[in-house]
Amino acid sequence: MRIDPHTHVVPPRWEDFAARYGGGRWPRLVPRDACRATLMTGSERFRELTRQAWDPAARRIEGMDRLGIDRQVLSPPPVGTLEAAGLDPAARAAVEGGNAARLLSL
């Protein structure tokens, strides 16, 4: 079995954490088109992403098959952990766990 131990995923949308918790460093996706988006932290550009990052069915499995990968270990990118935004650890775990559960249920 071949495992990719370092794979990042993001939710297709984040709730408006700034409105809920205050502060300006919250992660969010800004769609560019149906297949591309910019991951932002507040008003700063963090990284350009393709649809595979938020939609596992969008060619992620195809890519795994092509590379001979049987499993992936999924994790949020560093900006997606919500740590930079200052959310307390229990709230971060609840949000991040919910995001991962939604992705796995697709």
C-alpha atoms as a PDB file:
ATOM      1  CA  MET A   1       0.000   0.000   0.000  1.00  0.00           C
ATOM      2  CA  ARG A   2       1.336   3.439  -0.956  1.00  0.00           C
ATOM      3  CA  ILE A   3       0.372   6.367   1.310  1.00  0.00           C
ATOM      4  CA  ASP A   4       0.794  10.084   0.636  1.00  0.00           C
ATOM      5  CA  PRO A   5       1.435  11.443   4.161  1.00  0.00           C
ATOM      6  CA  HIS A   6       1.244  15.146   3.301  1.00  0.00           C
ATOM      7  CA  THR A   7      -1.957  16.265   1.580  1.00  0.00           C
ATOM      8  CA  HIS A   8      -3.750  19.540   2.262  1.00  0.00           C
ATOM      9  CA  VAL A   9      -7.493  20.100   1.997  1.00  0.00           C
ATOM     10  CA  VAL A  10      -9.666  23.135   2.620  1.00  0.00           C
ATOM     11  CA  PRO A  11     -13.424  23.467   2.976  1.00  0.00           C
ATOM     12  CA  PRO A  12     -15.245  24.887  -0.047  1.00  0.00           C
ATOM     13  CA  ARG A  13     -16.290  27.838   2.151  1.00  0.00           C
ATOM     14  CA  TRP A  14     -15.527  29.048   5.609  1.00  0.00           C
ATOM     15  CA  GLU A  15     -18.102  30.748   7.750  1.00  0.00           C
ATOM     16  CA  ASP A  16     -17.570  34.467   8.359  1.00  0.00           C
ATOM     17  CA  PHE A  17     -15.268  34.076  11.362  1.00  0.00           C
ATOM     18  CA  ALA A  18     -14.475  37.805  11.463  1.00  0.00           C
ATOM     19  CA  ALA A  19     -18.139  38.554  12.119  1.00  0.00           C
ATOM     20  CA  ARG A  20     -18.409  35.758  14.677  1.00  0.00           C
ATOM     21  CA  TYR A  21     -15.117  36.182  16.558  1.00  0.00           C
ATOM     22  CA  GLY A  22     -13.665  39.531  15.454  1.00  0.00           C
ATOM     23  CA  GLY A  23     -10.185  40.116  14.068  1.00  0.00           C
ATOM     24  CA  GLY A  24      -8.980  40.232  10.504  1.00  0.00           C
ATOM     25  CA  ARG A  25      -6.722  37.205   9.851  1.00  0.00           C
ATOM     26  CA  TRP A  26      -9.377  34.597   9.119  1.00  0.00           C
ATOM     27  CA  PRO A  27      -8.898  32.202   6.192  1.00  0.00           C
ATOM     28  CA  ARG A  28     -11.295  32.321   3.258  1.00  0.00           C
ATOM     29  CA  LEU A  29     -11.452  31.187  -0.348  1.00  0.00           C
ATOM     30  CA  VAL A  30     -11.973  33.747  -3.082  1.00  0.00           C
ATOM     31  CA  PRO A  31     -13.255  31.887  -6.169  1.00  0.00           C
ATOM     32  CA  ARG A  32     -11.591  32.767  -9.475  1.00  0.00           C
ATOM     33  CA  ASP A  33     -13.651  30.379 -11.596  1.00  0.00           C
ATOM     34  CA  ALA A  34     -15.185  26.901 -11.177  1.00  0.00           C
ATOM     35  CA  CYS A  35     -11.758  25.281 -10.814  1.00  0.00           C
ATOM     36  CA  ARG A  36      -9.518  27.890  -9.140  1.00  0.00           C
ATOM     37  CA  ALA A  37      -9.553  30.002  -6.006  1.00  0.00           C
ATOM     38  CA  THR A  38      -7.221  32.113  -3.908  1.00  0.00           C
ATOM     39  CA  LEU A  39      -6.754  31.185  -0.269  1.00  0.00           C
ATOM     40  CA  MET A  40      -6.663  34.442   1.688  1.00  0.00           C
ATOM     41  CA  THR A  41      -5.860  35.307   5.287  1.00  0.00           C
ATOM     42  CA  GLY A  42      -7.717  38.506   5.912  1.00  0.00           C
ATOM     43  CA  SER A  43      -6.732  40.731   2.992  1.00  0.00           C
ATOM     44  CA  GLU A  44      -3.453  38.900   2.264  1.00  0.00           C
ATOM     45  CA  ARG A  45      -3.069  36.335  -0.524  1.00  0.00           C
ATOM     46  CA  PHE A  46      -1.730  33.063   0.898  1.00  0.00           C
ATOM     47  CA  ARG A  47      -1.836  30.671  -2.074  1.00  0.00           C
ATOM     48  CA  GLU A  48      -3.605  29.832  -5.320  1.00  0.00           C
ATOM     49  CA  LEU A  49      -5.524  26.557  -5.188  1.00  0.00           C
ATOM     50  CA  THR A  50      -7.183  24.266  -7.680  1.00  0.00           C
ATOM     51  CA  ARG A  51     -10.516  22.553  -7.139  1.00  0.00           C
ATOM     52  CA  GLN A  52      -8.883  19.353  -5.883  1.00  0.00           C
ATOM     53  CA  ALA A  53      -8.079  21.216  -2.651  1.00  0.00           C
ATOM     54  CA  TRP A  54     -11.753  21.592  -1.680  1.00  0.00           C
ATOM     55  CA  ASP A  55     -13.495  18.934  -3.787  1.00  0.00           C
ATOM     56  CA  PRO A  56     -12.002  15.438  -3.383  1.00  0.00           C
ATOM     57  CA  ALA A  57     -14.103  14.136  -6.264  1.00  0.00           C
ATOM     58  CA  ALA A  58     -12.556  16.707  -8.637  1.00  0.00           C
ATOM     59  CA  ARG A  59      -9.744  14.635 -10.080  1.00  0.00           C
ATOM     60  CA  ARG A  60      -8.075  13.960  -6.703  1.00  0.00           C
ATOM     61  CA  ILE A  61      -8.844  10.239  -6.947  1.00  0.00           C
ATOM     62  CA  GLU A  62      -7.798  10.254 -10.612  1.00  0.00           C
ATOM     63  CA  GLY A  63      -4.471  11.824  -9.635  1.00  0.00           C
ATOM     64  CA  MET A  64      -3.968   9.312  -6.835  1.00  0.00           C
ATOM     65  CA  ASP A  65      -4.618   6.457  -9.259  1.00  0.00           C
ATOM     66  CA  ARG A  66      -2.216   7.914 -11.809  1.00  0.00           C
ATOM     67  CA  LEU A  67       0.540   8.162  -9.159  1.00  0.00           C
ATOM     68  CA  GLY A  68      -0.202   4.782  -7.563  1.00  0.00           C
ATOM     69  CA  ILE A  69      -1.344   6.349  -4.267  1.00  0.00           C
ATOM     70  CA  ASP A  70      -3.756   4.202  -2.255  1.00  0.00           C
ATOM     71  CA  ARG A  71      -4.426   6.569   0.660  1.00  0.00           C
ATOM     72  CA  GLN A  72      -3.793  10.190   1.608  1.00  0.00           C
ATOM     73  CA  VAL A  73      -3.347  11.708   5.052  1.00  0.00           C
ATOM     74  CA  LEU A  74      -5.476  14.859   4.931  1.00  0.00           C
ATOM     75  CA  SER A  75      -4.656  18.017   6.852  1.00  0.00           C
ATOM     76  CA  PRO A  76      -5.472  21.708   6.561  1.00  0.00           C
ATOM     77  CA  PRO A  77      -2.774  24.030   5.245  1.00  0.00           C
ATOM     78  CA  PRO A  78      -1.067  26.040   8.009  1.00  0.00           C
ATOM     79  CA  VAL A  79      -3.310  29.046   7.390  1.00  0.00           C
ATOM     80  CA  GLY A  80      -6.349  26.768   7.569  1.00  0.00           C
ATOM     81  CA  THR A  81      -5.636  25.694  11.124  1.00  0.00           C
ATOM     82  CA  LEU A  82      -7.101  28.997  12.304  1.00  0.00           C
ATOM     83  CA  GLU A  83      -4.182  29.395  14.703  1.00  0.00           C
ATOM     84  CA  ALA A  84      -3.090  32.688  13.144  1.00  0.00           C
ATOM     85  CA  ALA A  85      -6.555  34.079  13.690  1.00  0.00           C
ATOM     86  CA  GLY A  86      -6.243  33.627  17.450  1.00  0.00           C
ATOM     87  CA  LEU A  87      -9.146  31.215  17.947  1.00  0.00           C
ATOM     88  CA  ASP A  88      -8.815  29.198  21.139  1.00  0.00           C
ATOM     89  CA  PRO A  89      -7.721  25.539  20.688  1.00  0.00           C
ATOM     90  CA  ALA A  90     -11.102  23.947  21.521  1.00  0.00           C
ATOM     91  CA  ALA A  91     -12.964  26.127  19.041  1.00  0.00           C
ATOM     92  CA  ARG A  92     -10.272  25.515  16.390  1.00  0.00           C
ATOM     93  CA  ALA A  93     -10.573  21.749  16.845  1.00  0.00           C
ATOM     94  CA  ALA A  94     -14.358  21.911  16.474  1.00  0.00           C
ATOM     95  CA  VAL A  95     -14.160  23.988  13.285  1.00  0.00           C
ATOM     96  CA  GLU A  96     -11.319  21.994  11.708  1.00  0.00           C
ATOM     97  CA  GLY A  97     -12.881  18.647  12.622  1.00  0.00           C
ATOM     98  CA  GLY A  98     -16.191  19.740  11.105  1.00  0.00           C
ATOM     99  CA  ASN A  99     -14.451  20.826   7.906  1.00  0.00           C
ATOM    100  CA  ALA A 100     -12.663  17.479   7.595  1.00  0.00           C
ATOM    101  CA  ALA A 101     -15.859  15.537   8.284  1.00  0.00           C
ATOM    102  CA  ARG A 102     -17.706  17.444   5.549  1.00  0.00           C
ATOM    103  CA  LEU A 103     -14.946  16.723   3.038  1.00  0.00           C
ATOM    104  CA  LEU A 104     -14.849  13.032   3.896  1.00  0.00           C
ATOM    105  CA  SER A 105     -18.603  12.711   3.494  1.00  0.00           C
ATOM    106  CA  LEU A 106     -18.514  13.878  -0.148  1.00  0.00           C
END
